[in-house]
Amino acid sequence: MDFIIKLIVRLGILAGVISTFFILWVYFTFPDMCGNYLHAEAYSPDNKNRIVVFQRDCGATTGFSTQISILGADVKLPNESANIFIIPGHPNEVAPGVEWLDNSTIKISHRLNGQEYLSETSYGWFNKVVVKYE
């Protein structure tokens, strides 16, 4: 009986190791299915940050989404979801206006109505940027 239990445990460990290597191989071998496409951007008055409005597209099985991130002025738009604002729809049809009110405050011209997937009111820890919605 002890032999069978030890065999099952060893087979379980082996299956876990093989599964982990397979998952890592898939993760590093195949490119991300999603892509970000720049729609608009606006630099802060001191040119240290920028607001980026973009479309995130994850293939035929998902709809369009319009997303907004705050990035450093020279930071390339990463292939990930936004850090401030996400709504359904193509940016050509639903993108809100964005503007810097000062170096630490932005205004997004979109009335919050519950359709948003993400609607942050601030961003950052040290040089916090306040997000106001019109």
N, C-alpha and C. Protein backbone atom coordinates (compact mmCIF):
# COMPACT_ATOMS: atom_id res chain seq x y z
N MET A 1 0.82 -1.19 0.00
CA MET A 1 0.00 0.00 0.00
C MET A 1 0.86 1.25 0.00
N ASP A 2 1.95 1.25 0.80
CA ASP A 2 2.84 2.40 0.83
C ASP A 2 3.46 2.65 -0.55
N PHE A 3 3.74 1.56 -1.25
CA PHE A 3 4.33 1.69 -2.58
C PHE A 3 3.39 2.44 -3.52
N ILE A 4 2.12 2.13 -3.48
CA ILE A 4 1.13 2.77 -4.35
C ILE A 4 1.00 4.26 -4.01
N ILE A 5 0.98 4.59 -2.75
CA ILE A 5 0.87 5.99 -2.34
C ILE A 5 2.10 6.78 -2.80
N LYS A 6 3.28 6.20 -2.61
CA LYS A 6 4.52 6.88 -3.05
C LYS A 6 4.53 7.05 -4.56
N LEU A 7 4.05 6.05 -5.29
CA LEU A 7 3.99 6.13 -6.75
C LEU A 7 3.04 7.24 -7.19
N ILE A 8 1.88 7.33 -6.56
CA ILE A 8 0.90 8.37 -6.90
C ILE A 8 1.47 9.76 -6.61
N VAL A 9 2.13 9.91 -5.47
CA VAL A 9 2.73 11.20 -5.12
C VAL A 9 3.79 11.58 -6.14
N ARG A 10 4.65 10.63 -6.51
CA ARG A 10 5.72 10.92 -7.48
C ARG A 10 5.14 11.26 -8.85
N LEU A 11 4.13 10.53 -9.26
CA LEU A 11 3.48 10.84 -10.55
C LEU A 11 2.83 12.22 -10.51
N GLY A 12 2.24 12.57 -9.37
CA GLY A 12 1.63 13.90 -9.23
C GLY A 12 2.67 15.01 -9.33
N ILE A 13 3.80 14.81 -8.68
CA ILE A 13 4.89 15.80 -8.75
C ILE A 13 5.41 15.91 -10.18
N LEU A 14 5.61 14.77 -10.83
CA LEU A 14 6.09 14.78 -12.22
C LEU A 14 5.10 15.49 -13.14
N ALA A 15 3.81 15.23 -12.95
CA ALA A 15 2.79 15.90 -13.76
C ALA A 15 2.81 17.41 -13.52
N GLY A 16 3.00 17.82 -12.27
CA GLY A 16 3.08 19.25 -11.96
C GLY A 16 4.28 19.91 -12.61
N VAL A 17 5.43 19.26 -12.57
CA VAL A 17 6.64 19.82 -13.20
C VAL A 17 6.46 19.92 -14.71
N ILE A 18 5.93 18.88 -15.33
CA ILE A 18 5.71 18.90 -16.79
C ILE A 18 4.70 19.99 -17.15
N SER A 19 3.63 20.12 -16.38
CA SER A 19 2.62 21.16 -16.65
C SER A 19 3.23 22.56 -16.53
N THR A 20 4.04 22.77 -15.53
CA THR A 20 4.68 24.08 -15.34
C THR A 20 5.57 24.42 -16.52
N PHE A 21 6.40 23.47 -16.97
CA PHE A 21 7.27 23.72 -18.12
C PHE A 21 6.45 23.97 -19.39
N PHE A 22 5.35 23.25 -19.56
CA PHE A 22 4.50 23.46 -20.73
C PHE A 22 3.88 24.86 -20.72
N ILE A 23 3.37 25.27 -19.58
CA ILE A 23 2.76 26.61 -19.47
C ILE A 23 3.81 27.69 -19.74
N LEU A 24 4.99 27.55 -19.18
CA LEU A 24 6.05 28.53 -19.43
C LEU A 24 6.45 28.54 -20.90
N TRP A 25 6.52 27.38 -21.53
CA TRP A 25 6.87 27.30 -22.95
C TRP A 25 5.82 28.03 -23.80
N VAL A 26 4.54 27.79 -23.53
CA VAL A 26 3.47 28.47 -24.27
C VAL A 26 3.55 29.97 -24.05
N TYR A 27 3.75 30.39 -22.82
CA TYR A 27 3.79 31.82 -22.49
C TYR A 27 4.91 32.54 -23.23
N PHE A 28 6.09 31.94 -23.31
CA PHE A 28 7.23 32.60 -23.93
C PHE A 28 7.35 32.34 -25.43
N THR A 29 6.61 31.36 -25.96
CA THR A 29 6.71 31.03 -27.37
C THR A 29 5.71 31.79 -28.23
N PHE A 30 4.48 31.90 -27.76
CA PHE A 30 3.43 32.50 -28.57
C PHE A 30 3.23 33.96 -28.20
N PRO A 31 3.10 34.84 -29.19
CA PRO A 31 2.92 36.26 -28.91
C PRO A 31 1.55 36.54 -28.30
N ASP A 32 1.46 37.69 -27.66
CA ASP A 32 0.21 38.12 -27.05
C ASP A 32 -0.83 38.32 -28.15
N MET A 33 -2.03 37.86 -27.90
CA MET A 33 -3.10 37.98 -28.88
C MET A 33 -3.68 39.39 -28.94
N CYS A 34 -3.42 40.19 -27.92
CA CYS A 34 -3.98 41.54 -27.86
C CYS A 34 -3.00 42.56 -28.45
N GLY A 35 -3.55 43.67 -28.89
CA GLY A 35 -2.73 44.77 -29.38
C GLY A 35 -3.35 46.10 -29.02
N ASN A 36 -2.50 47.11 -28.85
CA ASN A 36 -2.95 48.47 -28.55
C ASN A 36 -2.67 49.36 -29.76
N TYR A 37 -3.62 50.22 -30.09
CA TYR A 37 -3.50 51.10 -31.25
C TYR A 37 -3.79 52.53 -30.81
N LEU A 38 -2.81 53.38 -30.92
CA LEU A 38 -2.89 54.77 -30.46
C LEU A 38 -3.99 55.52 -31.18
N HIS A 39 -4.79 56.23 -30.42
CA HIS A 39 -5.86 57.07 -30.98
C HIS A 39 -5.53 58.55 -30.79
N ALA A 40 -5.11 58.93 -29.58
CA ALA A 40 -4.77 60.33 -29.29
C ALA A 40 -3.87 60.37 -28.06
N GLU A 41 -3.15 61.48 -27.92
CA GLU A 41 -2.32 61.67 -26.73
C GLU A 41 -2.20 63.15 -26.43
N ALA A 42 -1.94 63.45 -25.16
CA ALA A 42 -1.77 64.84 -24.73
C ALA A 42 -0.70 64.88 -23.65
N TYR A 43 0.27 65.78 -23.81
CA TYR A 43 1.38 65.91 -22.86
C TYR A 43 1.01 66.88 -21.74
N SER A 44 1.53 66.59 -20.55
CA SER A 44 1.33 67.49 -19.41
C SER A 44 2.03 68.82 -19.69
N PRO A 45 1.62 69.90 -19.03
CA PRO A 45 2.25 71.20 -19.26
C PRO A 45 3.78 71.19 -19.06
N ASP A 46 4.28 70.36 -18.11
CA ASP A 46 5.73 70.30 -17.90
C ASP A 46 6.41 69.24 -18.77
N ASN A 47 5.64 68.59 -19.66
CA ASN A 47 6.13 67.56 -20.59
C ASN A 47 6.76 66.36 -19.91
N LYS A 48 6.39 66.08 -18.66
CA LYS A 48 6.92 64.90 -17.97
C LYS A 48 6.02 63.67 -18.13
N ASN A 49 4.74 63.89 -18.35
CA ASN A 49 3.77 62.80 -18.49
C ASN A 49 2.91 63.03 -19.71
N ARG A 50 2.15 62.00 -20.07
CA ARG A 50 1.18 62.15 -21.15
C ARG A 50 -0.01 61.24 -20.90
N ILE A 51 -1.13 61.67 -21.42
CA ILE A 51 -2.35 60.87 -21.43
C ILE A 51 -2.40 60.21 -22.79
N VAL A 52 -2.65 58.91 -22.80
CA VAL A 52 -2.73 58.17 -24.06
C VAL A 52 -4.12 57.55 -24.16
N VAL A 53 -4.82 57.86 -25.25
CA VAL A 53 -6.11 57.26 -25.55
C VAL A 53 -5.85 56.23 -26.65
N PHE A 54 -6.28 54.98 -26.41
CA PHE A 54 -5.97 53.94 -27.38
C PHE A 54 -7.08 52.90 -27.45
N GLN A 55 -7.04 52.17 -28.55
CA GLN A 55 -7.95 51.04 -28.74
C GLN A 55 -7.19 49.78 -28.34
N ARG A 56 -7.82 48.94 -27.55
CA ARG A 56 -7.24 47.64 -27.22
C ARG A 56 -8.09 46.59 -27.91
N ASP A 57 -7.43 45.76 -28.72
CA ASP A 57 -8.11 44.75 -29.52
C ASP A 57 -7.50 43.39 -29.20
N CYS A 58 -8.32 42.45 -28.76
CA CYS A 58 -7.83 41.12 -28.40
C CYS A 58 -8.38 40.04 -29.32
N GLY A 59 -8.64 40.39 -30.56
CA GLY A 59 -9.06 39.40 -31.53
C GLY A 59 -10.55 39.39 -31.81
N ALA A 60 -10.93 38.47 -32.68
CA ALA A 60 -12.30 38.43 -33.20
C ALA A 60 -13.35 38.07 -32.16
N THR A 61 -12.95 37.42 -31.09
CA THR A 61 -13.94 36.98 -30.11
C THR A 61 -14.26 38.04 -29.07
N THR A 62 -13.59 39.19 -29.13
CA THR A 62 -13.85 40.27 -28.18
C THR A 62 -14.23 41.53 -28.93
N GLY A 63 -14.96 42.41 -28.26
CA GLY A 63 -15.32 43.68 -28.87
C GLY A 63 -14.21 44.70 -28.69
N PHE A 64 -14.37 45.85 -29.34
CA PHE A 64 -13.42 46.94 -29.19
C PHE A 64 -13.55 47.55 -27.80
N SER A 65 -12.47 48.10 -27.32
CA SER A 65 -12.55 48.90 -26.10
C SER A 65 -11.67 50.13 -26.27
N THR A 66 -12.14 51.22 -25.69
CA THR A 66 -11.38 52.46 -25.68
C THR A 66 -10.78 52.60 -24.29
N GLN A 67 -9.47 52.85 -24.23
CA GLN A 67 -8.78 52.86 -22.96
C GLN A 67 -7.90 54.10 -22.85
N ILE A 68 -7.66 54.52 -21.60
CA ILE A 68 -6.83 55.70 -21.33
C ILE A 68 -5.82 55.35 -20.25
N SER A 69 -4.56 55.69 -20.52
CA SER A 69 -3.49 55.49 -19.55
C SER A 69 -2.72 56.78 -19.36
N ILE A 70 -2.13 56.92 -18.18
CA ILE A 70 -1.16 57.97 -17.93
C ILE A 70 0.21 57.31 -17.97
N LEU A 71 1.10 57.86 -18.78
CA LEU A 71 2.44 57.31 -18.95
C LEU A 71 3.46 58.43 -18.82
N GLY A 72 4.70 58.06 -18.58
CA GLY A 72 5.77 59.04 -18.66
C GLY A 72 5.88 59.52 -20.10
N ALA A 73 6.39 60.72 -20.28
CA ALA A 73 6.44 61.33 -21.61
C ALA A 73 7.18 60.48 -22.63
N ASP A 74 8.22 59.78 -22.21
CA ASP A 74 9.03 59.00 -23.14
C ASP A 74 8.79 57.49 -23.02
N VAL A 75 7.75 57.09 -22.30
CA VAL A 75 7.45 55.67 -22.13
C VAL A 75 6.59 55.18 -23.30
N LYS A 76 7.03 54.10 -23.92
CA LYS A 76 6.28 53.50 -25.02
C LYS A 76 5.00 52.88 -24.48
N LEU A 77 3.92 52.96 -25.24
CA LEU A 77 2.64 52.37 -24.84
C LEU A 77 2.82 50.85 -24.72
N PRO A 78 2.70 50.31 -23.51
CA PRO A 78 2.88 48.86 -23.34
C PRO A 78 1.68 48.09 -23.88
N ASN A 79 1.90 46.84 -24.19
CA ASN A 79 0.82 45.99 -24.68
C ASN A 79 0.08 45.38 -23.49
N GLU A 80 -0.64 46.25 -22.78
CA GLU A 80 -1.43 45.84 -21.62
C GLU A 80 -2.62 46.76 -21.48
N SER A 81 -3.52 46.41 -20.59
CA SER A 81 -4.70 47.23 -20.38
C SER A 81 -4.35 48.58 -19.76
N ALA A 82 -5.29 49.50 -19.87
CA ALA A 82 -5.10 50.87 -19.37
C ALA A 82 -5.00 50.92 -17.85
N ASN A 83 -4.45 52.03 -17.36
CA ASN A 83 -4.32 52.20 -15.91
C ASN A 83 -5.30 53.23 -15.34
N ILE A 84 -6.11 53.87 -16.18
CA ILE A 84 -7.03 54.91 -15.70
C ILE A 84 -8.48 54.64 -16.08
N PHE A 85 -8.73 54.28 -17.33
CA PHE A 85 -10.11 54.34 -17.83
C PHE A 85 -10.30 53.33 -18.96
N ILE A 86 -11.41 52.56 -18.91
CA ILE A 86 -11.74 51.61 -19.97
C ILE A 86 -13.26 51.63 -20.18
N ILE A 87 -13.66 51.80 -21.44
CA ILE A 87 -15.08 51.71 -21.80
C ILE A 87 -15.21 50.85 -23.06
N PRO A 88 -16.38 50.25 -23.26
CA PRO A 88 -16.59 49.48 -24.48
C PRO A 88 -16.78 50.40 -25.68
N GLY A 89 -16.38 49.92 -26.85
CA GLY A 89 -16.59 50.67 -28.08
C GLY A 89 -15.29 51.12 -28.72
N HIS A 90 -15.36 51.38 -29.99
CA HIS A 90 -14.21 51.84 -30.78
C HIS A 90 -13.94 53.32 -30.49
N PRO A 91 -12.67 53.71 -30.35
CA PRO A 91 -12.37 55.11 -30.02
C PRO A 91 -12.89 56.12 -31.04
N ASN A 92 -13.02 55.72 -32.30
CA ASN A 92 -13.57 56.66 -33.29
C ASN A 92 -15.00 57.05 -32.96
N GLU A 93 -15.68 56.20 -32.19
CA GLU A 93 -17.08 56.45 -31.86
C GLU A 93 -17.31 56.91 -30.42
N VAL A 94 -16.46 56.46 -29.47
CA VAL A 94 -16.77 56.72 -28.06
C VAL A 94 -15.65 57.39 -27.27
N ALA A 95 -14.52 57.68 -27.89
CA ALA A 95 -13.39 58.24 -27.13
C ALA A 95 -13.76 59.58 -26.51
N PRO A 96 -13.58 59.70 -25.20
CA PRO A 96 -13.85 61.00 -24.56
C PRO A 96 -12.71 61.96 -24.81
N GLY A 97 -12.99 63.24 -24.67
CA GLY A 97 -11.92 64.22 -24.74
C GLY A 97 -11.08 64.15 -23.47
N VAL A 98 -9.79 64.40 -23.60
CA VAL A 98 -8.90 64.42 -22.45
C VAL A 98 -8.05 65.67 -22.50
N GLU A 99 -7.76 66.23 -21.32
CA GLU A 99 -6.88 67.39 -21.27
C GLU A 99 -6.24 67.51 -19.90
N TRP A 100 -5.07 68.10 -19.88
CA TRP A 100 -4.37 68.39 -18.64
C TRP A 100 -4.86 69.74 -18.13
N LEU A 101 -5.32 69.80 -16.89
CA LEU A 101 -5.70 71.06 -16.28
C LEU A 101 -4.48 71.74 -15.65
N ASP A 102 -3.57 70.92 -15.15
CA ASP A 102 -2.26 71.37 -14.66
C ASP A 102 -1.37 70.13 -14.63
N ASN A 103 -0.18 70.21 -14.07
CA ASN A 103 0.74 69.07 -14.09
C ASN A 103 0.27 67.86 -13.28
N SER A 104 -0.72 68.04 -12.44
CA SER A 104 -1.16 66.93 -11.60
C SER A 104 -2.67 66.68 -11.66
N THR A 105 -3.34 67.23 -12.66
CA THR A 105 -4.78 67.03 -12.79
C THR A 105 -5.14 66.87 -14.27
N ILE A 106 -5.92 65.83 -14.55
CA ILE A 106 -6.45 65.67 -15.91
C ILE A 106 -7.97 65.67 -15.86
N LYS A 107 -8.55 66.03 -16.99
CA LYS A 107 -10.00 66.00 -17.12
C LYS A 107 -10.35 65.05 -18.26
N ILE A 108 -11.26 64.13 -17.98
CA ILE A 108 -11.79 63.23 -19.00
C ILE A 108 -13.23 63.63 -19.23
N SER A 109 -13.55 64.02 -20.44
CA SER A 109 -14.91 64.48 -20.76
C SER A 109 -15.82 63.28 -21.02
N HIS A 110 -16.23 62.67 -19.93
CA HIS A 110 -17.12 61.51 -19.99
C HIS A 110 -17.87 61.44 -18.66
N ARG A 111 -19.16 61.47 -18.73
CA ARG A 111 -19.98 61.36 -17.52
C ARG A 111 -20.03 59.88 -17.13
N LEU A 112 -19.62 59.57 -15.90
CA LEU A 112 -19.63 58.18 -15.46
C LEU A 112 -21.06 57.68 -15.36
N ASN A 113 -21.32 56.52 -16.02
CA ASN A 113 -22.68 56.00 -16.07
C ASN A 113 -22.77 54.51 -15.74
N GLY A 114 -21.68 53.91 -15.27
CA GLY A 114 -21.70 52.50 -14.93
C GLY A 114 -21.32 51.57 -16.07
N GLN A 115 -21.15 52.11 -17.27
CA GLN A 115 -20.74 51.29 -18.41
C GLN A 115 -19.22 51.08 -18.45
N GLU A 116 -18.50 51.78 -17.58
CA GLU A 116 -17.05 51.74 -17.57
C GLU A 116 -16.56 50.44 -16.92
N TYR A 117 -15.48 49.88 -17.46
CA TYR A 117 -14.84 48.74 -16.83
C TYR A 117 -13.86 49.23 -15.76
N LEU A 118 -13.34 50.43 -15.96
CA LEU A 118 -12.37 51.02 -15.05
C LEU A 118 -12.53 52.53 -15.12
N SER A 119 -12.57 53.19 -13.97
CA SER A 119 -12.68 54.65 -13.95
C SER A 119 -12.01 55.16 -12.67
N GLU A 120 -10.70 55.22 -12.69
CA GLU A 120 -9.92 55.66 -11.54
C GLU A 120 -10.07 57.16 -11.32
N THR A 121 -9.92 57.60 -10.09
CA THR A 121 -9.99 59.03 -9.79
C THR A 121 -8.61 59.59 -9.45
N SER A 122 -7.60 58.72 -9.43
CA SER A 122 -6.22 59.19 -9.24
C SER A 122 -5.28 58.12 -9.75
N TYR A 123 -4.03 58.53 -9.99
CA TYR A 123 -3.02 57.60 -10.48
C TYR A 123 -1.68 57.96 -9.87
N GLY A 124 -0.94 56.95 -9.44
CA GLY A 124 0.40 57.14 -8.93
C GLY A 124 0.45 57.25 -7.42
N TRP A 125 1.64 57.00 -6.87
CA TRP A 125 1.85 57.07 -5.44
C TRP A 125 2.51 58.36 -5.01
N PHE A 126 3.60 58.74 -5.69
CA PHE A 126 4.38 59.89 -5.26
C PHE A 126 3.95 61.17 -5.97
N ASN A 127 3.99 61.18 -7.28
CA ASN A 127 3.54 62.34 -8.06
C ASN A 127 2.13 62.06 -8.54
N LYS A 128 1.22 62.01 -7.60
CA LYS A 128 -0.16 61.62 -7.89
C LYS A 128 -0.82 62.55 -8.90
N VAL A 129 -1.56 61.94 -9.83
CA VAL A 129 -2.34 62.69 -10.80
C VAL A 129 -3.81 62.46 -10.48
N VAL A 130 -4.54 63.54 -10.30
CA VAL A 130 -5.97 63.47 -10.00
C VAL A 130 -6.73 63.42 -11.32
N VAL A 131 -7.73 62.55 -11.38
CA VAL A 131 -8.55 62.41 -12.59
C VAL A 131 -9.94 62.93 -12.28
N LYS A 132 -10.37 63.94 -13.06
CA LYS A 132 -11.71 64.50 -12.91
C LYS A 132 -12.54 64.11 -14.14
N TYR A 133 -13.81 63.80 -13.90
CA TYR A 133 -14.72 63.45 -14.98
C TYR A 133 -15.74 64.56 -15.13
N GLU A 134 -16.00 64.93 -16.36
CA GLU A 134 -16.95 66.00 -16.67
C GLU A 134 -18.31 65.41 -16.91
